[in-house]
Protein backbone atom coordinates (compact mmCIF):
# COMPACT_ATOMS: atom_id res chain seq x y z
CA UNK A 1 31.25 -7.27 -46.38
CA UNK A 2 30.09 -8.83 -43.10
CA UNK A 3 32.23 -11.55 -41.53
CA UNK A 4 31.61 -14.01 -38.71
CA UNK A 5 34.71 -15.46 -37.03
CA UNK A 6 34.47 -18.68 -35.03
CA UNK A 7 36.78 -21.36 -33.70
CA UNK A 8 36.82 -24.34 -31.38
CA UNK A 9 33.24 -25.38 -31.97
CA UNK A 10 33.93 -28.96 -30.80
CA UNK A 11 30.55 -30.25 -32.05
CA UNK A 12 29.24 -32.68 -30.78
CA UNK A 13 31.75 -33.13 -27.95
CA UNK A 14 31.07 -29.77 -26.23
CA UNK A 15 27.63 -29.02 -27.68
CA UNK A 16 25.11 -30.80 -29.88
CA UNK A 17 24.85 -27.78 -32.17
CA UNK A 18 25.95 -24.19 -32.50
CA UNK A 19 23.89 -21.66 -30.51
CA UNK A 20 20.89 -20.15 -32.35
CA UNK A 21 22.23 -16.55 -32.21
CA UNK A 22 25.43 -17.71 -33.92
CA UNK A 23 23.47 -19.54 -36.65
CA UNK A 24 21.52 -16.32 -37.23
CA UNK A 25 24.78 -14.37 -37.59
CA UNK A 26 26.13 -17.03 -39.97
CA UNK A 27 22.99 -16.84 -42.10
CA UNK A 28 23.37 -13.04 -42.37
CA UNK A 29 27.14 -13.01 -43.05
CA UNK A 30 28.87 -12.65 -46.38
CA UNK A 31 31.81 -14.75 -45.15
CA UNK A 32 32.29 -17.18 -42.25
CA UNK A 33 35.81 -17.90 -41.03
CA UNK A 34 36.41 -20.97 -38.85
CA UNK A 35 39.82 -21.39 -37.19
CA UNK A 36 39.70 -25.12 -36.51
CA UNK A 37 38.60 -27.76 -34.03
CA UNK A 38 35.38 -28.60 -35.83
CA UNK A 39 35.64 -32.24 -34.59
CA UNK A 40 33.08 -33.70 -37.06
CA UNK A 41 32.62 -33.39 -40.81
CA UNK A 42 28.88 -32.86 -40.33
CA UNK A 43 29.48 -29.36 -38.97
CA UNK A 44 31.71 -28.49 -41.93
CA UNK A 45 28.93 -29.69 -44.26
CA UNK A 46 26.31 -27.64 -42.39
CA UNK A 47 28.45 -24.50 -42.45
CA UNK A 48 29.20 -24.95 -46.15
CA UNK A 49 25.46 -25.26 -46.84
CA UNK A 50 24.47 -22.22 -44.78
CA UNK A 51 27.38 -19.86 -45.44
CA UNK A 52 27.53 -17.58 -48.44
CA UNK A 53 31.30 -18.25 -48.32
CA UNK A 54 33.25 -20.36 -45.84
CA UNK A 55 36.97 -20.13 -45.14
CA UNK A 56 38.49 -22.54 -42.64
CA UNK A 57 41.40 -24.62 -41.47
CA UNK A 58 41.74 -27.76 -39.41
CA UNK A 59 42.69 -27.87 -35.73
CA UNK A 60 44.46 -30.30 -33.45
CA UNK A 61 41.19 -32.11 -32.61
CA UNK A 62 40.24 -32.62 -36.27
CA UNK A 63 40.80 -36.07 -37.70
CA UNK A 64 41.75 -37.32 -41.16
CA UNK A 65 38.34 -36.66 -42.77
CA UNK A 66 38.50 -32.95 -41.90
CA UNK A 67 42.21 -32.66 -42.68
CA UNK A 68 41.49 -34.08 -46.12
CA UNK A 69 39.08 -31.21 -46.85
CA UNK A 70 40.73 -28.31 -45.00
CA UNK A 71 44.22 -26.78 -45.04
CA UNK A 72 46.44 -26.25 -42.02
CA UNK A 73 46.53 -22.56 -42.96
CA UNK A 74 43.85 -20.91 -45.10
CA UNK A 75 44.43 -17.67 -47.01
CA UNK A 76 41.94 -15.25 -48.56
CA UNK A 77 41.83 -11.65 -49.66
CA UNK A 78 38.50 -10.00 -48.89
CA UNK A 79 37.81 -6.46 -50.12
CA UNK A 80 41.56 -5.86 -50.23
CA UNK A 81 42.27 -7.19 -46.71
CA UNK A 82 44.66 -10.18 -46.66
CA UNK A 83 43.59 -12.87 -44.17
CA UNK A 84 45.28 -16.01 -42.91
CA UNK A 85 43.49 -18.55 -40.72
CA UNK A 86 45.36 -21.01 -38.50
CA UNK A 87 44.32 -22.97 -35.45
CA UNK A 88 47.29 -22.70 -33.12
CA UNK A 89 49.85 -19.92 -32.69
CA UNK A 90 51.66 -21.18 -29.57
CA UNK A 91 51.85 -19.57 -26.13
CA UNK A 92 50.51 -16.06 -25.62
CA UNK A 93 53.95 -14.77 -24.61
CA UNK A 94 55.72 -13.59 -27.75
CA UNK A 95 52.70 -14.30 -29.96
CA UNK A 96 52.73 -10.96 -31.76
CA UNK A 97 56.39 -11.23 -32.74
CA UNK A 98 56.11 -14.90 -33.82
CA UNK A 99 53.01 -14.30 -35.90
CA UNK A 100 54.35 -11.12 -37.53
CA UNK A 101 57.48 -13.03 -38.57
CA UNK A 102 55.54 -16.05 -39.86
CA UNK A 103 52.87 -14.02 -41.69
CA UNK A 104 54.62 -10.91 -43.08
CA UNK A 105 52.26 -10.59 -46.07
CA UNK A 106 49.00 -10.78 -44.09
CA UNK A 107 46.82 -8.00 -42.65
CA UNK A 108 44.66 -10.14 -40.32
CA UNK A 109 45.46 -13.49 -38.70
CA UNK A 110 42.46 -15.38 -37.31
CA UNK A 111 43.40 -18.15 -34.87
CA UNK A 112 41.89 -20.33 -32.18
CA UNK A 113 42.96 -23.18 -29.88
CA UNK A 114 43.01 -21.34 -26.54
CA UNK A 115 39.24 -20.61 -26.39
CA UNK A 116 40.31 -17.17 -25.13
CA UNK A 117 39.23 -14.13 -27.16
CA UNK A 118 42.18 -12.09 -28.40
CA UNK A 119 42.45 -8.82 -30.34
CA UNK A 120 45.85 -7.19 -30.72
CA UNK A 121 47.87 -5.50 -33.43
CA UNK A 122 51.58 -6.14 -33.87
CA UNK A 123 54.20 -3.45 -34.41
CA UNK A 124 54.15 -4.38 -38.10
CA UNK A 125 50.38 -3.79 -38.29
CA UNK A 126 49.24 -7.45 -38.31
CA UNK A 127 45.87 -7.75 -36.53
CA UNK A 128 45.53 -10.93 -34.45
CA UNK A 129 41.97 -12.10 -33.76
CA UNK A 130 40.80 -15.10 -31.75
CA UNK A 131 37.01 -15.39 -31.47
CA UNK A 132 37.11 -17.70 -28.45
CA UNK A 133 34.66 -20.60 -28.55
CA UNK A 134 30.88 -20.47 -29.02
CA UNK A 135 30.42 -23.84 -27.29
CA UNK A 136 33.24 -24.36 -24.77
CA UNK A 137 34.06 -21.28 -22.71
CA UNK A 138 36.57 -23.12 -20.51
CA UNK A 139 37.82 -20.56 -17.98
CA UNK A 140 36.14 -17.64 -19.73
CA UNK A 141 32.96 -16.06 -18.36
CA UNK A 142 31.11 -16.46 -21.69
CA UNK A 143 31.10 -18.50 -24.87
CA UNK A 144 31.96 -16.09 -27.71
CA UNK A 145 32.39 -15.35 -31.40
CA UNK A 146 33.47 -12.28 -33.39
CA UNK A 147 31.93 -10.23 -36.16
CA UNK A 148 33.67 -7.64 -38.28
CA UNK A 149 33.30 -5.79 -41.54
CA UNK A 150 35.74 -5.24 -44.36
CA UNK A 151 35.47 -2.65 -47.10
CA UNK A 152 37.96 -0.91 -49.37
CA UNK A 153 40.98 -2.50 -47.72
CA UNK A 154 39.90 -1.71 -44.16
CA UNK A 155 38.78 -3.93 -41.28
CA UNK A 156 36.18 -2.20 -39.08
CA UNK A 157 33.66 -2.86 -36.34
CA UNK A 158 35.38 -5.85 -34.71
CA UNK A 159 32.82 -6.95 -32.12
CA UNK A 160 33.06 -9.73 -29.55
CA UNK A 161 29.66 -11.36 -29.01
CA UNK A 162 28.86 -13.07 -25.72
CA UNK A 163 26.48 -15.99 -26.00
CA UNK A 164 23.89 -16.83 -23.35
CA UNK A 165 24.58 -19.84 -21.13
CA UNK A 166 23.42 -23.16 -22.56
CA UNK A 167 20.32 -24.66 -21.06
């Protein structure tokens, strides 16, 4: 099962649309996971229409219309791997410990908010993944998203994709 992980898309505030390479990855994925800060309902509608399956949560920049349709924390089990999706996990210092305590029954926690890619595993085995942002790189050298695969209870091939600069 092929997954695309995104967060902090901020459409249309940071970009008019998602980059074409990301749309191509979305079209090819079995599941798309979005960790919040969509900003407009139109993007949620577009992703629902183009994704084979969409899992997402709302972020701090998402208003009432998005919060009405999305949870603060989304949960899904995919091929035996237990996922949780949340927008914000707090400061980077102590993140692993905080998240492991808050999500003891989860294998992978996908989060956003910082726009900084993150891939660590806690002492308890919880994998923390932040795909960065495909539209607002902030202080990062590239706009980014993640892909991964899950099969038979295992997460494999976690890959950070760098997007070309916007024109």
